[in-house]
Structures are given as C-alpha cells and as structure tokens.
Amino acid sequence: MRVFVTGATGFVGGWLQRELAAAGHEVIAAPGPEALDIADRPGIRRAVRAAHPDAVVHLAAMAFAPDAAADAAEAIRVNVGGTLTIVEACRMESPQAALLIVGSADVYETSGSDARLTEASPLHPRGVYGLTKLAAEALAIASADEHGLEAAVARSFNHTGPGQRPVFAVPAFARRVLEARAAGVHEIRAGNVDVVRDIGDVRDVVRAYRLLAEALVEGRVRGGRRVFNVASGRAVTMRAVIDRLAAFADWPVTIVRDPELVRADDPPVIRGDFSALHALTGWEPRVDLDRTLADLLGSLG
C-alpha cells in the first residue's frame, strides 16, 4: 500500500518509515515543517493529491507537553488545526484513503489507581497538550464519520528509543548518567522519580501503527471501535529506569531531587491496556525495556 506520513522527519516518523518499507509498503513522506506547515490547507491538499495514498498516518504535532503549555495558541493551531487540515485534505483529494490519527494517553483521567487504562476509561485531559490531542481526535473521528472516511485513533502511551530528543524524560536521564560518568561524579538531578509509567519501545509502537493502517485499508476496523491504545502494559518507576541506565553505563548514581524538575500535575501511575489492539491485529510488545534502555544509551554514547 502507498502510505502518506505526516511528521515523517521526526523521531517516530523516521522509525515508521523504516517499519513500513520493511513490510513492503511504499512510503510518501510529507515535507518537514520548514518546507510545509501542517496547517497550510492548500499545501497539504496538494501533497495528499500528489501522493494518492491508500493510507495516511498523521504524526505531525507539537509533541512535547511543556512546549504546548508554553504556547497554547500554537499547540491548538498545530495539533487541532493541523489534524483538521489533514482530514479535509483526505476528504477532498483522496477519499479512498484510510486515516490513522496518532493521539495520546494524556487524554485519560488518572486517579492514582494502578489499574490499566482501557479505551473505555474516563477522559480528563491533562494540560494544554492533552486538551489539544483530545480535541484533534474527536474532531477527526466526527468528520470522518460525517464523510464516510475509514479512520481510527492510536492513543499512544510513553515510548522511547534511539533518536528521541533529550527533552523527554528517558533520554534526558540517559544523558545525565553519561554526563555524570564523563565528569567523574555520581549524582544526577531529577524530579519525581517515584511515579510509575508505561514505557514502550518506539519500534513496537511503529509496528502497531503499521498494523492499524493495514487493518483500516483492509476494512477490518469494524463494530464502532475507532480508538486503540498503544501501550506496553508494563509498569515501571522512573527511579528504576535511572537505575537500569546507570547499570548499563556501569556508573552507579545517586538521585538528587531538584524541585525545579518536579511537575506539580504528575500523575502517580499511568499504565495502559492494549487488549483491543491485540484483538484486531495480534500486536503485542516484543522489545523488552532493558533492550530499549541499552539501545538508547548506546545511541547517545
């Protein structure tokens, strides 16, 4: 199948291109934001028309929550406006194309329970980022339903791997461990490291996106279900993540709590359930966390 990928120049986009190509699909990468703004209606329409895709995977977004909080107007323009631009372009230029919108687990209510979040769990988006992602997925599904497009949403939980920007937690911890080793010190600064997170590998995540896109094109997304969690189902503290990174670096560290790095709205537990995705596609995580962390550390070293 021919797959048009927005956000193709980003961290996940690069991995998705490799995953699709390895499965024998033809990838048409949307130009990066310096060449084509995701909310540029005429430009996106031209790009979709030229691609004539069987499927569109929409990754392009302001993906870092603090960036969205710092510039809410831009987050709304990119995350909500950009998604509507993609839906409109598909409707007008390539209505046969299946559309996969990549969303976020930040749309869920997190009560502190260690129960796995399912697609039926209550919604209570966190911050500007969560609000924009919920608005984007809701508007996309509503528009797709109105115009008869094949569409689904992948609600992704935390994921990491080689190539992720160090503004995100896990690569930031990895870099601090390596910097501590290089400086010959054994202390690193961090925020609340006792929160529990569901952390997947980017290679597993893009495989899920590929399988969902294939299911959409093949007409297997049926029965009213349009939203699918992409989660590892594993729960791990950030403290344990740092300890494993330090072990792989062969450099023990002591964590010093830095109040400036503590997020006041950090939920104590976030853990997902991928049963719906598994039932549709057979997907389950293949890359264990140790391999993810070792590969990430190696990519920075």
Protein backbone atom coordinates (compact mmCIF):
# COMPACT_ATOMS: atom_id res chain seq x y z
CA MET A 1 0.00 0.00 0.00
CA ARG A 2 1.01 3.63 -0.50
CA VAL A 3 1.27 5.43 2.84
CA PHE A 4 1.48 9.19 3.25
CA VAL A 5 3.16 10.03 6.57
CA THR A 6 2.98 13.45 8.21
CA GLY A 7 5.64 14.21 10.79
CA ALA A 8 7.88 11.87 8.80
CA THR A 9 11.02 13.84 9.64
CA GLY A 10 10.53 13.45 13.41
CA PHE A 11 11.64 10.79 15.88
CA VAL A 12 8.68 8.42 15.44
CA GLY A 13 8.30 9.33 11.76
CA GLY A 14 11.76 8.09 10.90
CA TRP A 15 11.15 4.76 12.62
CA LEU A 16 7.72 4.45 10.98
CA GLN A 17 9.19 4.97 7.52
CA ARG A 18 11.63 2.11 8.13
CA GLU A 19 8.88 -0.14 9.51
CA LEU A 20 6.58 0.47 6.54
CA ALA A 21 9.34 -0.01 3.98
CA ALA A 22 10.48 -3.25 5.64
CA ALA A 23 6.92 -4.57 5.34
CA GLY A 24 6.94 -3.85 1.59
CA HIS A 25 4.86 -0.67 1.62
CA GLU A 26 5.60 2.47 -0.38
CA VAL A 27 6.18 5.49 1.86
CA ILE A 28 5.46 9.05 0.77
CA ALA A 29 6.94 11.33 3.42
CA ALA A 30 5.30 14.71 3.89
CA PRO A 31 7.81 17.58 3.78
CA GLY A 32 9.06 18.77 7.15
CA PRO A 33 7.63 21.87 8.85
CA GLU A 34 10.32 24.10 7.40
CA ALA A 35 9.00 23.25 3.92
CA LEU A 36 5.28 22.67 4.53
CA ASP A 37 3.28 23.81 7.53
CA ILE A 38 0.87 21.12 8.69
CA ALA A 39 -1.95 23.70 8.92
CA ASP A 40 -1.34 25.00 5.37
CA ARG A 41 -4.60 23.88 3.75
CA PRO A 42 -3.70 24.41 0.08
CA GLY A 43 -0.21 22.95 0.60
CA ILE A 44 -1.44 19.85 2.42
CA ARG A 45 -4.16 19.30 -0.16
CA ARG A 46 -1.57 19.42 -2.96
CA ALA A 47 0.68 17.00 -1.08
CA VAL A 48 -2.13 14.49 -0.47
CA ARG A 49 -3.35 14.78 -4.05
CA ALA A 50 0.16 14.11 -5.38
CA ALA A 51 0.66 11.17 -3.02
CA HIS A 52 -2.63 9.48 -3.95
CA PRO A 53 -2.27 7.28 -0.86
CA ASP A 54 -4.05 4.16 0.28
CA ALA A 55 -3.44 5.24 3.87
CA VAL A 56 -2.43 8.37 5.74
CA VAL A 57 -0.68 8.21 9.12
CA HIS A 58 -0.87 11.57 10.84
CA LEU A 59 2.04 12.00 13.25
CA ALA A 60 2.76 15.71 12.85
CA ALA A 61 2.13 17.57 16.10
CA MET A 62 3.60 19.65 18.87
CA ALA A 63 4.59 16.54 20.81
CA PHE A 64 6.26 17.86 23.97
CA ALA A 65 3.73 18.83 26.65
CA PRO A 66 5.78 21.70 28.16
CA ASP A 67 6.06 23.27 24.68
CA ALA A 68 2.28 23.14 24.37
CA ALA A 69 1.86 24.69 27.81
CA ALA A 70 4.26 27.49 26.90
CA ASP A 71 2.43 28.35 23.67
CA ALA A 72 -1.17 27.20 23.82
CA ALA A 73 -2.19 29.08 20.68
CA GLU A 74 0.48 27.34 18.61
CA ALA A 75 -0.40 23.97 20.12
CA ILE A 76 -4.03 24.46 19.12
CA ARG A 77 -3.05 25.63 15.64
CA VAL A 78 -0.75 22.65 15.02
CA ASN A 79 -2.41 19.83 16.92
CA VAL A 80 -6.06 20.66 16.26
CA GLY A 81 -5.86 22.79 13.14
CA GLY A 82 -3.27 20.53 11.54
CA THR A 83 -5.38 17.44 12.16
CA LEU A 84 -8.46 19.06 10.63
CA THR A 85 -6.36 20.12 7.65
CA ILE A 86 -5.29 16.51 7.09
CA VAL A 87 -8.86 15.22 7.41
CA GLU A 88 -10.10 17.85 4.99
CA ALA A 89 -7.33 17.05 2.51
CA CYS A 90 -8.18 13.35 2.62
CA ARG A 91 -11.87 14.06 2.16
CA MET A 92 -11.35 16.36 -0.81
CA GLU A 93 -8.32 14.85 -2.54
CA SER A 94 -8.15 11.17 -1.57
CA PRO A 95 -11.43 9.96 -0.05
CA GLN A 96 -10.47 6.32 -0.59
CA ALA A 97 -7.51 6.69 1.78
CA ALA A 98 -7.69 5.24 5.29
CA LEU A 99 -6.64 7.68 8.01
CA LEU A 100 -4.80 6.86 11.23
CA ILE A 101 -4.62 9.72 13.72
CA VAL A 102 -1.90 9.35 16.35
CA GLY A 103 -3.24 10.54 19.69
CA SER A 104 -2.02 10.38 23.27
CA ALA A 105 -2.75 8.71 26.59
CA ASP A 106 -2.68 12.21 28.09
CA VAL A 107 -6.40 12.34 27.37
CA TYR A 108 -7.21 9.88 30.18
CA GLU A 109 -8.22 10.61 33.74
CA THR A 110 -5.51 9.31 36.09
CA SER A 111 -6.81 8.67 39.59
CA GLY A 112 -3.69 7.09 41.08
CA SER A 113 -5.00 3.56 40.72
CA ASP A 114 -2.61 1.02 39.23
CA ALA A 115 -5.40 -0.42 37.07
CA ARG A 116 -4.65 -0.48 33.36
CA LEU A 117 -6.35 2.26 31.36
CA THR A 118 -8.60 0.99 28.59
CA GLU A 119 -10.23 2.87 25.73
CA ALA A 120 -13.38 2.99 27.87
CA SER A 121 -11.63 4.65 30.83
CA PRO A 122 -12.85 8.13 31.80
CA LEU A 123 -11.35 11.04 29.90
CA HIS A 124 -9.85 14.03 31.68
CA PRO A 125 -7.05 15.51 29.55
CA ARG A 126 -4.00 16.90 31.32
CA GLY A 127 -2.90 20.39 30.40
CA VAL A 128 -2.94 22.10 27.03
CA TYR A 129 -1.30 19.16 25.29
CA GLY A 130 -3.91 16.64 26.45
CA LEU A 131 -6.74 19.02 25.57
CA THR A 132 -5.44 19.55 22.04
CA LYS A 133 -4.97 15.82 21.46
CA LEU A 134 -8.48 15.01 22.65
CA ALA A 135 -9.96 17.79 20.53
CA ALA A 136 -7.99 16.63 17.50
CA GLU A 137 -9.08 13.00 17.75
CA ALA A 138 -12.71 13.88 18.46
CA LEU A 139 -12.95 16.29 15.53
CA ALA A 140 -11.18 13.86 13.20
CA ILE A 141 -13.49 10.96 14.04
CA ALA A 142 -16.60 13.13 13.81
CA SER A 143 -15.54 14.48 10.42
CA ALA A 144 -14.58 11.02 9.16
CA ASP A 145 -17.97 9.65 10.23
CA GLU A 146 -19.78 12.52 8.56
CA HIS A 147 -17.99 12.00 5.26
CA GLY A 148 -17.63 8.21 5.27
CA LEU A 149 -13.84 8.02 5.67
CA GLU A 150 -12.10 4.97 7.13
CA ALA A 151 -10.39 6.38 10.22
CA ALA A 152 -9.04 5.34 13.61
CA VAL A 153 -7.07 6.81 16.50
CA ALA A 154 -3.99 5.29 18.12
CA ARG A 155 -3.77 6.53 21.72
CA SER A 156 -0.10 6.09 22.46
CA PHE A 157 1.42 5.81 25.91
CA ASN A 158 5.01 6.81 26.70
CA HIS A 159 7.58 5.39 24.31
CA THR A 160 11.26 5.96 23.74
CA GLY A 161 14.26 4.66 21.86
CA PRO A 162 17.32 5.74 19.89
CA GLY A 163 16.89 9.17 18.34
CA GLN A 164 14.42 10.67 20.81
CA ARG A 165 15.15 14.26 21.82
CA PRO A 166 16.66 14.61 25.31
CA VAL A 167 13.90 17.00 26.37
CA PHE A 168 11.88 13.83 27.01
CA ALA A 169 12.37 12.09 30.34
CA VAL A 170 14.11 8.83 29.48
CA PRO A 171 16.74 10.20 27.04
CA ALA A 172 17.25 13.12 29.45
CA PHE A 173 18.04 10.66 32.25
CA ALA A 174 20.33 8.71 29.94
CA ARG A 175 22.26 11.84 29.02
CA ARG A 176 22.61 12.87 32.67
CA VAL A 177 24.04 9.46 33.55
CA LEU A 178 26.57 9.69 30.72
CA GLU A 179 27.48 13.27 31.67
CA ALA A 180 27.97 12.21 35.29
CA ARG A 181 30.29 9.40 34.16
CA ALA A 182 32.25 11.74 31.93
CA ALA A 183 32.64 14.23 34.81
CA GLY A 184 33.53 11.53 37.33
CA VAL A 185 30.60 12.33 39.64
CA HIS A 186 27.90 10.06 40.97
CA GLU A 187 24.98 12.44 41.49
CA ILE A 188 22.31 13.35 38.97
CA ARG A 189 19.38 15.70 39.41
CA ALA A 190 15.81 14.64 38.70
CA GLY A 191 12.22 15.44 39.60
CA ASN A 192 9.69 12.99 40.99
CA VAL A 193 11.28 9.63 40.15
CA ASP A 194 8.75 7.51 42.05
CA VAL A 195 5.95 7.99 39.54
CA VAL A 196 5.02 4.83 37.64
CA ARG A 197 4.87 4.87 33.86
CA ASP A 198 4.02 2.61 30.95
CA ILE A 199 7.11 2.89 28.73
CA GLY A 200 7.21 1.18 25.36
CA ASP A 201 9.80 0.94 22.62
CA VAL A 202 9.38 3.12 19.53
CA ARG A 203 9.98 0.07 17.32
CA ASP A 204 7.00 -1.69 18.86
CA VAL A 205 4.91 1.47 18.57
CA VAL A 206 5.52 1.97 14.85
CA ARG A 207 4.74 -1.70 14.25
CA ALA A 208 1.37 -1.04 15.90
CA TYR A 209 0.78 1.95 13.61
CA ARG A 210 1.64 -0.14 10.56
CA LEU A 211 -0.73 -2.93 11.62
CA LEU A 212 -3.55 -0.45 12.31
CA ALA A 213 -3.05 1.21 8.92
CA GLU A 214 -3.19 -2.20 7.23
CA ALA A 215 -6.35 -3.12 9.15
CA LEU A 216 -8.00 0.13 8.06
CA VAL A 217 -7.12 -0.38 4.40
CA GLU A 218 -8.35 -3.97 4.54
CA GLY A 219 -11.66 -2.87 6.10
CA ARG A 220 -11.11 -4.78 9.35
CA VAL A 221 -11.86 -1.86 11.70
CA ARG A 222 -15.50 -2.56 12.39
CA GLY A 223 -18.15 -2.52 15.10
CA GLY A 224 -17.89 1.12 16.05
CA ARG A 225 -14.45 0.82 17.65
CA ARG A 226 -12.23 3.60 16.36
CA VAL A 227 -9.77 4.11 19.23
CA PHE A 228 -6.92 1.75 20.11
CA ASN A 229 -4.41 2.05 22.94
CA VAL A 230 -0.78 1.51 22.03
CA ALA A 231 0.80 0.59 25.36
CA SER A 232 3.32 -1.85 26.78
CA GLY A 233 1.08 -2.84 29.70
CA ARG A 234 4.19 -2.75 31.91
CA ALA A 235 4.54 -0.50 34.95
CA VAL A 236 7.93 0.84 36.00
CA THR A 237 9.08 3.69 38.23
CA MET A 238 11.31 6.35 36.76
CA ARG A 239 13.73 5.56 39.58
CA ALA A 240 14.04 2.02 38.23
CA VAL A 241 14.63 3.41 34.74
CA ILE A 242 17.52 5.53 36.02
CA ASP A 243 18.95 2.58 37.94
CA ARG A 244 18.90 0.42 34.80
CA LEU A 245 20.52 3.17 32.71
CA ALA A 246 23.24 3.54 35.34
CA ALA A 247 23.83 -0.21 35.35
CA PHE A 248 24.18 -0.31 31.56
CA ALA A 249 26.59 2.63 31.74
CA ASP A 250 28.50 0.84 34.53
CA TRP A 251 28.28 4.02 36.56
CA PRO A 252 26.22 3.99 39.78
CA VAL A 253 24.43 7.23 40.53
CA THR A 254 22.59 8.86 43.42
CA ILE A 255 19.44 10.77 42.53
CA VAL A 256 19.19 14.29 43.96
CA ARG A 257 15.66 15.67 43.87
CA ASP A 258 15.52 19.00 42.08
CA PRO A 259 12.30 20.96 42.85
CA GLU A 260 12.57 22.78 39.52
CA LEU A 261 12.23 19.46 37.70
CA VAL A 262 9.13 18.35 39.63
CA ARG A 263 5.86 18.62 37.70
CA ALA A 264 3.04 19.52 40.07
CA ASP A 265 0.46 17.71 37.93
CA ASP A 266 2.43 14.48 37.52
CA PRO A 267 0.01 11.54 37.95
CA PRO A 268 1.38 8.84 40.26
CA VAL A 269 0.54 5.96 37.89
CA ILE A 270 -0.09 5.71 34.14
CA ARG A 271 -0.41 2.23 32.66
CA GLY A 272 -2.25 1.11 29.54
CA ASP A 273 -4.18 -1.89 28.28
CA PHE A 274 -3.58 -2.97 24.67
CA SER A 275 -6.22 -5.74 24.52
CA ALA A 276 -8.26 -4.05 21.76
CA LEU A 277 -5.21 -3.59 19.55
CA HIS A 278 -4.17 -7.19 20.15
CA ALA A 279 -7.66 -8.49 19.32
CA LEU A 280 -7.66 -6.63 15.99
CA THR A 281 -4.07 -7.13 14.84
CA GLY A 282 -2.35 -9.65 17.12
CA TRP A 283 0.07 -6.93 18.23
CA GLU A 284 1.94 -7.24 21.48
CA PRO A 285 5.23 -5.72 22.67
CA ARG A 286 8.37 -7.54 21.53
CA VAL A 287 11.15 -5.28 22.75
CA ASP A 288 11.82 -5.52 26.48
CA LEU A 289 12.65 -2.43 28.48
CA ASP A 290 16.27 -3.42 29.09
CA ARG A 291 16.94 -3.59 25.37
CA THR A 292 15.20 -0.24 24.84
CA LEU A 293 17.33 1.43 27.51
CA ALA A 294 20.58 -0.19 26.39
CA ASP A 295 19.98 0.82 22.75
CA LEU A 296 19.06 4.36 23.76
CA LEU A 297 22.15 4.70 25.93
CA GLY A 298 24.34 3.30 23.17
CA SER A 299 22.95 5.81 20.67
CA LEU A 300 23.99 8.68 22.96
CA GLY A 301 27.39 7.31 23.92
